[in-house]
Amino acid sequence: MGKRYILGLRGDKLRSAQIWAVILPAYILFGWNNGVAGPLLDLPSWVSTFPRIDTLNTTGAQKTDNSRVQGTVVAMYTLGAFFGALSCIFLGDKLGRIRTIQLGAAIDVVGAILQCTSFSLPQLIVGRLVTGFGFGALTATAPNWQSECSSAAHRGAAVLLESLFISLGLAISAWVNLGMKFTTGSISWRFPLAMSAFWALIVIATVPMLPESPRWLLKKGRPQEAREVLSALADVPEDDPKVRADVEEITASIAITGQGRFLDIFTNGELRLFNRVCLACAGQMFQQMSGINALAFYVTTIFQQYLGLSGTQARILGASVFTFQTICSPIGVLTVDRFGRRKLMMVAAAGMGSCMAVVAGTSSQTNNTAAVGAAGAFIFLFSLFFPTGFLGLTFLYASEISPLSARVPITSMSTGTAWLFNFLVAEVTPVGFATIGWRYYIIFSCINYFLILPSVYLFFPETNGRHLEEVDQIFRDSKNIFDPVKIARNFPAGALADEESPAGKTATDQLEDVDEKR
């Protein structure tokens, strides 16, 4: 009998426990961290403690300068997350998925303590950097862990639940911030910043009770432990043919792709690793450059300072936007394995581009009540399209197109890209609104229509319903950047099991070779 996991669960119940005990609090933390700072910026206690980033009581050049500093302070979290994600290039495969997630959550707790005890701007900046570093490592690892433990048939829906949980975290943070507005003193902003540690502590406590990635275990030469995990996840005996077949398929992929070196991802070769890196990073860049972070970080500021609503009205609408996004998130969860990744991304890009165009036109008429109402409505509509096609899907896609030998460095690079462009948007948005106003939305409309939409259509192959090892075969058969899309259309699911390796050996033969070497 193998190792017992949380409450002795096996099969689908164990996979569900993985989602509800770790992925749920981890991605509520994601949404919480992303949305918690924006609504604090106009609180009296916040402004008095950090006057250098006050844009509410300043005008002219001083407001522009303070906007720049404010953007930098808010964005420090994402800069820390960028470096945290990149750290997994070197730590991820050494520590494994479980310990890396635990370490990232622990660092997040330290950062939350630094932020909520801040009495000066430098301490706040350091706290946001530390929080970001820890959470960047967590976000670079959790999607890999989840996708490597999920079945091919339901992997998309399982991983895309992350988008629902992120939206839920944004909504919870917005409503908590609304409630804290009616308190007095520094508790109004210290409590929301401290709550980040609560979600991280849940992750630290629960993740050790769940199975390690079987693919990581096989890569590290621990086949018996991998069999135990696969047996528990499938709820079958360790000697079941399904377990043996899964071990063979993963081992064959390792035998073909090798152990991999970090520098390998910058060359194509037979595996087209650089092609995959570019796709993974582009997907994450598209997520951030769609315009979501202009809303996520500053939705309260947008409603209050640029659409003329009161502070309370702005907070209620901001919280409602994220609540609506949470309600819409299951659309992606329920359709990603039915319609595939490409269609959802393309529909979402078209929808987000249209919403941003309308918001630009209507928000230019701040004295027109109907126009302001329309701008608010299309901000809500944007929150329907984004979680459907981009919020969790880009993390899923990056892990799906990465071969096991290079999955950690590629997903670390892609997650780092997400945080880097997250930093860029958070940094320039206050200045963008202060200088070009409503025209700022036009930039995001053009990005969605003329960059994201055609790029997904031309370069992103469909991965829906395929084993991760089958995705490897699609890229191995490709000769240029346009081939993966065409080959994926004609590559039948399950074809890999009937193929032989380049050395003329079947998966079973390769497994036996590995066992002999051991």
Protein backbone atom coordinates (compact mmCIF):
# COMPACT_ATOMS: atom_id res chain seq x y z
CA MET A 1 0.00 0.00 0.00
CA GLY A 2 1.43 3.38 -1.02
CA LYS A 3 1.59 6.63 0.87
CA ARG A 4 -1.68 7.98 2.28
CA TYR A 5 -2.58 11.52 1.33
CA ILE A 6 -4.97 14.04 2.86
CA LEU A 7 -7.82 12.24 4.68
CA GLY A 8 -6.83 9.03 2.87
CA LEU A 9 -8.40 10.30 -0.37
CA ARG A 10 -7.73 8.71 -3.77
CA GLY A 11 -8.79 9.19 -7.39
CA ASP A 12 -11.11 12.07 -8.25
CA LYS A 13 -11.52 12.96 -4.58
CA LEU A 14 -7.77 13.39 -4.25
CA ARG A 15 -7.65 15.59 -7.36
CA SER A 16 -10.51 17.64 -5.92
CA ALA A 17 -8.64 17.99 -2.63
CA GLN A 18 -5.65 19.30 -4.57
CA ILE A 19 -7.87 22.01 -6.02
CA TRP A 20 -9.80 23.02 -2.91
CA ALA A 21 -7.01 22.68 -0.33
CA VAL A 22 -4.14 24.33 -2.25
CA ILE A 23 -5.14 25.85 -5.60
CA LEU A 24 -8.18 27.67 -4.14
CA PRO A 25 -6.31 29.58 -1.38
CA ALA A 26 -3.23 30.06 -3.60
CA TYR A 27 -5.19 31.77 -6.36
CA ILE A 28 -7.48 33.69 -4.02
CA LEU A 29 -4.13 35.01 -2.76
CA PHE A 30 -3.24 35.87 -6.38
CA GLY A 31 -6.38 37.98 -6.78
CA TRP A 32 -6.06 39.43 -3.30
CA ASN A 33 -2.50 40.63 -3.84
CA ASN A 34 -3.31 42.07 -7.26
CA GLY A 35 -6.38 44.00 -6.12
CA VAL A 36 -5.65 45.01 -2.55
CA ALA A 37 -3.46 48.09 -3.09
CA GLY A 38 -5.54 50.19 -5.50
CA PRO A 39 -8.50 50.96 -3.17
CA LEU A 40 -6.11 52.02 -0.38
CA LEU A 41 -4.65 54.95 -2.28
CA ASP A 42 -7.25 57.55 -1.20
CA LEU A 43 -7.67 56.51 2.44
CA PRO A 44 -6.87 59.42 4.81
CA SER A 45 -4.56 57.33 6.98
CA TRP A 46 -2.75 55.96 3.93
CA VAL A 47 -2.26 59.46 2.47
CA SER A 48 -0.97 60.84 5.78
CA THR A 49 1.44 57.91 6.22
CA PHE A 50 2.70 57.97 2.62
CA PRO A 51 2.25 61.57 1.36
CA ARG A 52 4.79 61.01 -1.43
CA ILE A 53 2.24 58.94 -3.36
CA ASP A 54 -0.76 61.23 -2.77
CA THR A 55 -2.53 61.99 -6.07
CA LEU A 56 -5.86 62.95 -4.49
CA ASN A 57 -4.83 66.25 -2.88
CA THR A 58 -2.25 67.39 -5.44
CA THR A 59 -2.47 69.05 -8.84
CA GLY A 60 -0.35 69.86 -11.87
CA ALA A 61 3.29 68.82 -11.96
CA GLN A 62 3.19 67.58 -8.36
CA LYS A 63 0.30 65.23 -9.14
CA THR A 64 2.10 63.91 -12.23
CA ASP A 65 5.26 63.31 -10.21
CA ASN A 66 3.33 61.64 -7.39
CA SER A 67 1.49 59.50 -9.95
CA ARG A 68 4.82 58.22 -11.23
CA VAL A 69 6.00 57.31 -7.72
CA GLN A 70 2.61 55.81 -6.89
CA GLY A 71 2.78 53.60 -9.95
CA THR A 72 6.26 52.44 -8.98
CA VAL A 73 5.27 51.60 -5.39
CA VAL A 74 2.17 49.66 -6.45
CA ALA A 75 4.15 47.89 -9.18
CA MET A 76 6.98 46.82 -6.85
CA TYR A 77 4.89 43.75 -6.02
CA THR A 78 4.90 42.65 -9.65
CA LEU A 79 8.62 43.35 -10.03
CA GLY A 80 9.28 41.10 -7.05
CA ALA A 81 7.02 38.45 -8.58
CA PHE A 82 9.06 38.65 -11.81
CA PHE A 83 12.26 37.76 -9.95
CA GLY A 84 10.45 35.14 -7.87
CA ALA A 85 9.22 33.40 -11.02
CA LEU A 86 12.70 33.47 -12.57
CA SER A 87 14.20 31.97 -9.40
CA CYS A 88 12.28 28.78 -10.18
CA ILE A 89 14.51 28.25 -13.21
CA PHE A 90 17.18 27.18 -10.74
CA LEU A 91 15.12 26.09 -7.72
CA GLY A 92 12.02 24.48 -9.25
CA ASP A 93 13.52 21.16 -10.36
CA LYS A 94 15.83 20.95 -7.36
CA LEU A 95 13.14 21.37 -4.70
CA GLY A 96 10.22 19.80 -6.53
CA ARG A 97 6.73 21.23 -6.96
CA ILE A 98 5.53 20.78 -3.37
CA ARG A 99 8.49 22.37 -1.60
CA THR A 100 8.71 25.26 -4.08
CA ILE A 101 5.05 26.12 -3.52
CA GLN A 102 5.58 25.96 0.24
CA LEU A 103 8.67 28.17 0.10
CA GLY A 104 6.94 30.77 -2.06
CA ALA A 105 3.98 30.95 0.32
CA ALA A 106 6.31 31.34 3.33
CA ILE A 107 8.12 34.26 1.69
CA ASP A 108 4.72 35.83 0.93
CA VAL A 109 3.92 35.73 4.65
CA VAL A 110 7.13 37.63 5.46
CA GLY A 111 6.27 40.26 2.85
CA ALA A 112 2.73 40.68 4.21
CA ILE A 113 4.13 41.30 7.70
CA LEU A 114 6.52 43.94 6.35
CA GLN A 115 3.73 45.73 4.47
CA CYS A 116 1.13 45.81 7.22
CA THR A 117 3.65 47.12 9.79
CA SER A 118 4.98 49.89 7.53
CA PHE A 119 5.45 53.42 8.85
CA SER A 120 7.57 54.65 5.97
CA LEU A 121 7.55 54.38 2.19
CA PRO A 122 10.86 52.43 1.97
CA GLN A 123 9.52 49.67 4.26
CA LEU A 124 6.32 49.47 2.20
CA ILE A 125 8.36 49.13 -0.99
CA VAL A 126 10.52 46.36 0.51
CA GLY A 127 7.41 44.58 1.77
CA ARG A 128 5.80 44.64 -1.66
CA LEU A 129 8.99 43.34 -3.26
CA VAL A 130 9.25 40.44 -0.79
CA THR A 131 5.57 39.56 -1.12
CA GLY A 132 5.90 39.57 -4.89
CA PHE A 133 9.03 37.42 -4.84
CA GLY A 134 7.34 34.71 -2.83
CA PHE A 135 4.17 34.73 -4.84
CA GLY A 136 6.06 34.79 -8.14
CA ALA A 137 7.70 31.48 -7.19
CA LEU A 138 4.30 30.06 -6.24
CA THR A 139 2.62 31.09 -9.51
CA ALA A 140 5.48 29.69 -11.59
CA THR A 141 5.07 26.29 -9.93
CA ALA A 142 1.42 25.67 -9.05
CA PRO A 143 0.11 25.42 -12.66
CA ASN A 144 2.85 22.86 -13.47
CA TRP A 145 2.00 20.82 -10.39
CA GLN A 146 -1.70 20.86 -11.15
CA SER A 147 -1.42 20.09 -14.87
CA GLU A 148 1.09 17.27 -14.23
CA CYS A 149 -1.34 15.65 -11.79
CA SER A 150 -4.44 16.12 -13.98
CA SER A 151 -5.85 13.79 -16.62
CA ALA A 152 -5.72 14.93 -20.25
CA ALA A 153 -9.52 14.90 -20.61
CA HIS A 154 -10.14 17.33 -17.77
CA ARG A 155 -6.81 19.16 -17.46
CA GLY A 156 -8.11 22.37 -19.03
CA ALA A 157 -11.11 22.72 -16.74
CA ALA A 158 -9.07 21.77 -13.65
CA VAL A 159 -6.34 24.35 -14.29
CA LEU A 160 -8.76 27.01 -15.53
CA LEU A 161 -10.45 26.94 -12.14
CA GLU A 162 -7.52 29.15 -11.22
CA SER A 163 -9.20 32.00 -13.12
CA LEU A 164 -12.33 31.59 -11.00
CA PHE A 165 -10.28 31.67 -7.81
CA ILE A 166 -8.25 34.72 -8.93
CA SER A 167 -11.49 36.57 -9.68
CA LEU A 168 -12.86 35.50 -6.30
CA GLY A 169 -9.73 36.88 -4.61
CA LEU A 170 -10.12 40.20 -6.43
CA ALA A 171 -13.78 40.38 -5.40
CA ILE A 172 -13.11 39.51 -1.74
CA SER A 173 -10.32 42.11 -1.51
CA ALA A 174 -12.54 44.76 -3.07
CA TRP A 175 -15.45 44.15 -0.68
CA VAL A 176 -13.12 44.01 2.34
CA ASN A 177 -11.55 47.29 1.26
CA LEU A 178 -15.02 48.80 0.92
CA GLY A 179 -15.84 47.77 4.47
CA MET A 180 -12.50 49.05 5.79
CA LYS A 181 -13.22 52.50 4.31
CA PHE A 182 -15.71 53.02 7.12
CA THR A 183 -13.09 52.42 9.81
CA THR A 184 -10.74 55.06 11.16
CA GLY A 185 -7.00 55.05 11.59
CA SER A 186 -4.36 52.85 10.00
CA ILE A 187 -6.36 49.62 10.54
CA SER A 188 -8.22 50.61 7.36
CA TRP A 189 -5.18 49.66 5.27
CA ARG A 190 -3.07 47.51 7.59
CA PHE A 191 -5.71 44.80 7.91
CA PRO A 192 -6.16 44.25 4.13
CA LEU A 193 -2.39 44.04 3.64
CA ALA A 194 -2.06 41.58 6.53
CA MET A 195 -4.76 39.28 5.13
CA SER A 196 -2.36 38.17 2.40
CA ALA A 197 -0.59 36.09 5.04
CA PHE A 198 -3.83 34.27 5.95
CA TRP A 199 -4.23 32.71 2.48
CA ALA A 200 -0.52 31.88 2.27
CA LEU A 201 -0.57 30.07 5.63
CA ILE A 202 -3.39 27.82 4.39
CA VAL A 203 -1.23 26.81 1.43
CA ILE A 204 1.76 26.13 3.68
CA ALA A 205 -0.35 23.88 5.91
CA THR A 206 -2.14 21.85 3.21
CA VAL A 207 0.29 21.31 0.34
CA PRO A 208 2.56 18.78 2.18
CA MET A 209 -0.46 16.47 2.56
CA LEU A 210 -0.88 16.13 -1.23
CA PRO A 211 1.08 14.13 -3.84
CA GLU A 212 4.19 15.35 -5.62
CA SER A 213 4.13 15.56 -9.42
CA PRO A 214 4.63 12.05 -10.86
CA ARG A 215 6.44 13.53 -13.84
CA TRP A 216 8.95 15.30 -11.59
CA LEU A 217 9.47 12.08 -9.61
CA LEU A 218 10.23 10.10 -12.78
CA LYS A 219 12.53 12.83 -14.03
CA LYS A 220 14.44 12.56 -10.75
CA GLY A 221 14.72 8.76 -11.06
CA ARG A 222 12.13 7.83 -8.42
CA PRO A 223 9.81 5.47 -10.35
CA GLN A 224 8.36 3.66 -7.32
CA GLU A 225 7.14 6.93 -5.79
CA ALA A 226 5.78 7.98 -9.18
CA ARG A 227 3.82 4.72 -9.43
CA GLU A 228 2.38 5.31 -5.97
CA VAL A 229 1.23 8.81 -6.97
CA LEU A 230 -0.24 7.67 -10.29
CA SER A 231 -1.98 4.81 -8.50
CA ALA A 232 -3.50 7.20 -5.95
CA LEU A 233 -4.57 9.74 -8.59
CA ALA A 234 -6.26 7.05 -10.71
CA ASP A 235 -7.51 5.06 -7.67
CA VAL A 236 -6.14 1.79 -9.05
CA PRO A 237 -3.50 -0.68 -7.78
CA GLU A 238 0.14 0.13 -8.48
CA ASP A 239 0.45 -2.83 -10.85
CA ASP A 240 -2.61 -1.76 -12.87
CA PRO A 241 -2.01 -1.53 -16.67
CA LYS A 242 -3.05 2.13 -16.64
CA VAL A 243 -0.32 3.01 -14.15
CA ARG A 244 2.26 1.09 -16.17
CA ALA A 245 1.12 2.76 -19.40
CA ASP A 246 1.35 6.25 -17.84
CA VAL A 247 4.82 5.52 -16.46
CA GLU A 248 5.93 4.22 -19.86
CA GLU A 249 4.63 7.28 -21.69
CA ILE A 250 6.28 9.74 -19.32
CA THR A 251 9.54 7.78 -19.27
CA ALA A 252 9.58 7.63 -23.06
CA SER A 253 9.18 11.40 -23.19
CA ILE A 254 12.08 11.85 -20.76
CA ALA A 255 14.22 9.45 -22.80
CA ILE A 256 13.54 11.43 -25.97
CA THR A 257 13.79 14.96 -24.58
CA GLY A 258 16.55 14.25 -22.06
CA GLN A 259 17.10 16.06 -18.78
CA GLY A 260 17.66 19.41 -20.45
CA ARG A 261 19.83 22.44 -19.60
CA PHE A 262 18.62 26.01 -19.10
CA LEU A 263 20.48 27.31 -22.16
CA ASP A 264 18.74 24.71 -24.33
CA ILE A 265 15.53 26.75 -24.27
CA PHE A 266 17.21 29.46 -26.34
CA THR A 267 17.79 27.08 -29.26
CA ASN A 268 15.26 25.26 -31.41
CA GLY A 269 16.74 21.92 -32.40
CA GLU A 270 14.47 18.92 -32.88
CA LEU A 271 12.29 19.85 -29.89
CA ARG A 272 11.77 23.48 -31.02
CA LEU A 273 12.29 24.69 -27.46
CA PHE A 274 12.79 28.35 -28.38
CA ASN A 275 9.57 28.28 -30.40
CA ARG A 276 7.77 27.01 -27.30
CA VAL A 277 9.42 29.61 -25.05
CA CYS A 278 8.23 32.39 -27.37
CA LEU A 279 4.67 31.05 -27.41
CA ALA A 280 4.53 30.60 -23.64
CA CYS A 281 5.94 34.08 -22.99
CA ALA A 282 3.77 35.70 -25.67
CA GLY A 283 0.63 34.20 -24.15
CA GLN A 284 1.49 35.63 -20.75
CA MET A 285 2.40 38.99 -22.27
CA PHE A 286 -0.96 39.07 -24.07
CA GLN A 287 -2.73 38.41 -20.76
CA GLN A 288 -1.15 41.47 -19.18
CA MET A 289 -1.30 43.76 -22.22
CA SER A 290 -5.01 43.11 -22.81
CA GLY A 291 -5.72 45.99 -20.43
CA ILE A 292 -6.82 44.01 -17.39
CA ASN A 293 -4.24 45.48 -15.04
CA ALA A 294 -5.24 49.02 -15.90
CA LEU A 295 -8.53 47.90 -14.34
CA ALA A 296 -7.40 45.46 -11.63
CA PHE A 297 -4.97 47.84 -9.94
CA TYR A 298 -6.82 51.10 -10.52
CA VAL A 299 -10.52 50.35 -11.06
CA THR A 300 -11.50 52.39 -7.98
CA THR A 301 -9.30 55.28 -9.11
CA ILE A 302 -10.78 55.11 -12.62
CA PHE A 303 -14.35 55.34 -11.35
CA GLN A 304 -13.53 58.05 -8.82
CA GLN A 305 -11.03 60.36 -10.50
CA TYR A 306 -11.74 59.84 -14.19
CA LEU A 307 -15.49 59.05 -14.28
CA GLY A 308 -16.42 61.48 -11.51
CA LEU A 309 -17.99 59.13 -8.95
CA SER A 310 -17.72 59.47 -5.18
CA GLY A 311 -15.25 57.35 -3.25
CA THR A 312 -17.94 55.05 -1.88
CA GLN A 313 -19.64 54.69 -5.26
CA ALA A 314 -16.29 53.91 -6.90
CA ARG A 315 -15.53 51.21 -4.35
CA ILE A 316 -18.94 49.60 -4.69
CA LEU A 317 -18.65 49.53 -8.48
CA GLY A 318 -15.06 48.28 -8.31
CA ALA A 319 -16.07 45.42 -6.02
CA SER A 320 -19.04 44.70 -8.28
CA VAL A 321 -16.80 44.48 -11.35
CA PHE A 322 -14.71 41.76 -9.72
CA THR A 323 -17.80 39.98 -8.40
CA PHE A 324 -19.19 39.95 -11.92
CA GLN A 325 -15.83 38.61 -13.17
CA THR A 326 -16.07 35.81 -10.61
CA ILE A 327 -19.58 34.94 -11.80
CA CYS A 328 -18.37 34.86 -15.43
CA SER A 329 -15.22 32.81 -14.78
CA PRO A 330 -17.01 29.42 -14.89
CA ILE A 331 -17.75 30.09 -18.58
CA GLY A 332 -14.11 29.39 -19.38
CA VAL A 333 -13.95 26.43 -17.00
CA LEU A 334 -16.97 24.80 -18.65
CA THR A 335 -15.96 25.50 -22.27
CA VAL A 336 -12.16 25.16 -22.42
CA ASP A 337 -12.24 21.37 -22.88
CA ARG A 338 -15.19 21.60 -25.26
CA PHE A 339 -14.11 24.37 -27.64
CA GLY A 340 -10.36 24.32 -27.04
CA ARG A 341 -7.75 26.89 -26.07
CA ARG A 342 -7.39 28.77 -29.37
CA LYS A 343 -11.07 29.63 -29.85
CA LEU A 344 -11.47 30.96 -26.32
CA MET A 345 -8.37 33.16 -26.66
CA MET A 346 -9.44 34.59 -30.02
CA VAL A 347 -13.02 35.31 -28.95
CA ALA A 348 -11.76 36.92 -25.76
CA ALA A 349 -9.26 39.11 -27.63
CA ALA A 350 -11.95 40.38 -30.00
CA GLY A 351 -14.32 41.04 -27.12
CA MET A 352 -11.74 42.85 -24.99
CA GLY A 353 -10.64 45.00 -27.94
CA SER A 354 -14.23 46.07 -28.57
CA CYS A 355 -14.82 46.85 -24.90
CA MET A 356 -11.71 49.00 -24.65
CA ALA A 357 -12.69 50.93 -27.78
CA VAL A 358 -16.14 51.71 -26.37
CA VAL A 359 -14.73 52.65 -22.95
CA ALA A 360 -12.33 55.07 -24.66
CA GLY A 361 -15.12 56.82 -26.54
CA THR A 362 -17.61 57.01 -23.68
CA SER A 363 -15.16 57.98 -20.92
CA SER A 364 -14.14 61.01 -22.97
CA GLN A 365 -17.59 62.48 -22.14
CA THR A 366 -17.32 62.78 -18.35
CA ASN A 367 -20.15 65.36 -18.19
CA ASN A 368 -22.54 63.03 -20.02
CA THR A 369 -24.29 60.75 -17.52
CA ALA A 370 -25.31 58.24 -20.19
CA ALA A 371 -21.76 58.04 -21.56
CA VAL A 372 -20.32 57.48 -18.07
CA GLY A 373 -22.90 54.73 -17.52
CA ALA A 374 -21.94 53.10 -20.83
CA ALA A 375 -18.24 53.24 -19.90
CA GLY A 376 -19.01 51.46 -16.64
CA ALA A 377 -21.12 48.85 -18.44
CA PHE A 378 -18.32 47.99 -20.88
CA ILE A 379 -15.80 47.73 -18.05
CA PHE A 380 -18.15 45.07 -16.68
CA LEU A 381 -18.37 43.42 -20.11
CA PHE A 382 -14.57 43.36 -20.35
CA SER A 383 -14.68 41.34 -17.12
CA LEU A 384 -16.71 38.68 -18.93
CA PHE A 385 -14.26 38.19 -21.80
CA PHE A 386 -10.98 38.32 -19.86
CA PRO A 387 -11.47 35.36 -17.47
CA THR A 388 -13.03 33.31 -20.27
CA GLY A 389 -9.98 33.45 -22.52
CA PHE A 390 -6.92 34.72 -20.69
CA LEU A 391 -6.97 34.82 -16.90
CA GLY A 392 -6.05 31.20 -16.16
CA LEU A 393 -5.72 29.84 -19.67
CA THR A 394 -2.27 31.30 -20.38
CA PHE A 395 -0.79 29.57 -17.32
CA LEU A 396 -2.37 26.31 -18.48
CA TYR A 397 -1.15 26.75 -22.05
CA ALA A 398 2.44 27.50 -21.02
CA SER A 399 2.65 24.29 -19.00
CA GLU A 400 1.00 22.23 -21.75
CA ILE A 401 3.39 23.22 -24.55
CA SER A 402 6.54 22.78 -22.42
CA PRO A 403 8.36 19.42 -22.57
CA LEU A 404 9.09 17.79 -19.22
CA SER A 405 12.84 18.31 -19.62
CA ALA A 406 12.38 22.09 -19.85
CA ARG A 407 8.96 22.62 -18.28
CA VAL A 408 10.23 24.45 -15.20
CA PRO A 409 12.51 26.92 -17.02
CA ILE A 410 9.94 27.60 -19.75
CA THR A 411 7.03 28.13 -17.38
CA SER A 412 9.27 30.18 -15.10
CA MET A 413 10.22 32.38 -18.03
CA SER A 414 6.61 32.72 -19.13
CA THR A 415 5.36 33.52 -15.64
CA GLY A 416 8.22 35.99 -15.26
CA THR A 417 7.08 37.60 -18.51
CA ALA A 418 3.55 37.93 -17.11
CA TRP A 419 4.84 39.68 -14.02
CA LEU A 420 7.24 41.88 -16.01
CA PHE A 421 4.44 43.22 -18.22
CA ASN A 422 2.19 43.39 -15.18
CA PHE A 423 4.83 45.70 -13.69
CA LEU A 424 4.97 47.72 -16.89
CA VAL A 425 1.21 48.31 -16.98
CA ALA A 426 0.98 49.08 -13.25
CA GLU A 427 3.93 51.49 -13.59
CA VAL A 428 2.69 53.50 -16.56
CA THR A 429 -1.09 53.47 -15.95
CA PRO A 430 -1.22 56.38 -13.45
CA VAL A 431 0.97 58.47 -15.76
CA GLY A 432 -1.04 57.35 -18.79
CA PHE A 433 -4.33 58.48 -17.28
CA ALA A 434 -2.77 61.72 -15.98
CA THR A 435 -1.34 62.66 -19.39
CA ILE A 436 -3.52 61.27 -22.20
CA GLY A 437 -6.68 60.41 -20.24
CA TRP A 438 -9.33 58.41 -22.12
CA ARG A 439 -6.99 57.86 -25.09
CA TYR A 440 -5.06 55.42 -22.91
CA TYR A 441 -7.78 52.80 -23.51
CA ILE A 442 -7.26 52.99 -27.29
CA ILE A 443 -3.78 51.51 -26.85
CA PHE A 444 -5.23 48.36 -25.32
CA SER A 445 -7.96 48.11 -27.95
CA CYS A 446 -5.34 48.11 -30.71
CA ILE A 447 -3.18 45.56 -28.89
CA ASN A 448 -6.12 43.17 -28.63
CA TYR A 449 -7.21 43.52 -32.24
CA PHE A 450 -3.93 43.85 -34.11
CA LEU A 451 -1.46 41.87 -32.00
CA ILE A 452 -3.18 39.27 -29.80
CA LEU A 453 -5.93 38.07 -32.17
CA PRO A 454 -3.78 37.41 -35.27
CA SER A 455 -0.89 35.98 -33.23
CA VAL A 456 -3.09 33.34 -31.58
CA TYR A 457 -4.62 32.40 -34.94
CA LEU A 458 -1.27 32.02 -36.73
CA PHE A 459 1.10 30.60 -34.12
CA PHE A 460 -0.70 28.90 -31.19
CA PRO A 461 -1.45 25.17 -31.77
CA GLU A 462 -4.45 23.55 -30.10
CA THR A 463 -3.55 21.39 -27.07
CA ASN A 464 -7.05 20.44 -25.99
CA GLY A 465 -7.55 16.77 -24.99
CA ARG A 466 -3.94 15.75 -25.62
CA HIS A 467 -1.46 14.10 -23.28
CA LEU A 468 1.44 16.43 -22.58
CA GLU A 469 3.71 13.98 -24.39
CA GLU A 470 1.54 14.23 -27.55
CA VAL A 471 2.06 17.99 -27.57
CA ASP A 472 5.80 17.29 -27.64
CA GLN A 473 5.31 15.27 -30.83
CA ILE A 474 3.49 18.13 -32.56
CA PHE A 475 6.50 20.40 -32.06
CA ARG A 476 9.02 17.71 -32.99
CA ASP A 477 7.21 17.33 -36.33
CA SER A 478 7.27 21.10 -36.98
CA LYS A 479 9.85 22.81 -39.17
CA ASN A 480 8.91 26.50 -38.73
CA ILE A 481 6.79 28.76 -36.54
CA PHE A 482 3.67 28.23 -38.68
CA ASP A 483 3.78 24.41 -38.67
CA PRO A 484 2.53 23.67 -35.11
CA VAL A 485 -0.95 25.04 -35.85
CA LYS A 486 -1.28 23.03 -39.07
CA ILE A 487 0.16 19.82 -37.62
CA ALA A 488 -2.05 20.02 -34.52
CA ARG A 489 -5.13 20.09 -36.77
CA ASN A 490 -4.12 16.79 -38.40
CA PHE A 491 -2.43 15.01 -35.48
CA PRO A 492 -4.86 12.43 -34.04
CA ALA A 493 -5.11 12.11 -30.27
CA GLY A 494 -3.49 8.90 -29.02
CA ALA A 495 -1.17 8.59 -32.02
CA LEU A 496 1.93 8.82 -29.84
CA ALA A 497 1.29 5.47 -28.17
CA ASP A 498 1.70 3.69 -31.50
CA GLU A 499 4.90 5.45 -32.52
CA GLU A 500 8.44 4.29 -31.92
CA SER A 501 11.21 6.48 -30.66
CA PRO A 502 13.96 7.67 -33.03
CA ALA A 503 16.13 4.88 -31.72
CA GLY A 504 13.56 2.31 -32.82
CA LYS A 505 12.46 1.46 -29.29
CA THR A 506 8.98 1.52 -27.90
CA ALA A 507 8.08 3.22 -24.65
CA THR A 508 8.23 -0.15 -22.87
CA ASP A 509 11.74 -0.80 -24.21
CA GLN A 510 12.92 2.60 -23.01
CA LEU A 511 11.45 2.02 -19.55
CA GLU A 512 13.29 -1.27 -19.27
CA ASP A 513 16.53 0.46 -20.34
CA VAL A 514 16.07 3.02 -17.58
CA ASP A 515 15.37 0.32 -14.99
CA GLU A 516 18.50 -1.57 -16.06
CA LYS A 517 20.64 1.56 -15.66
CA ARG A 518 19.22 1.99 -12.17
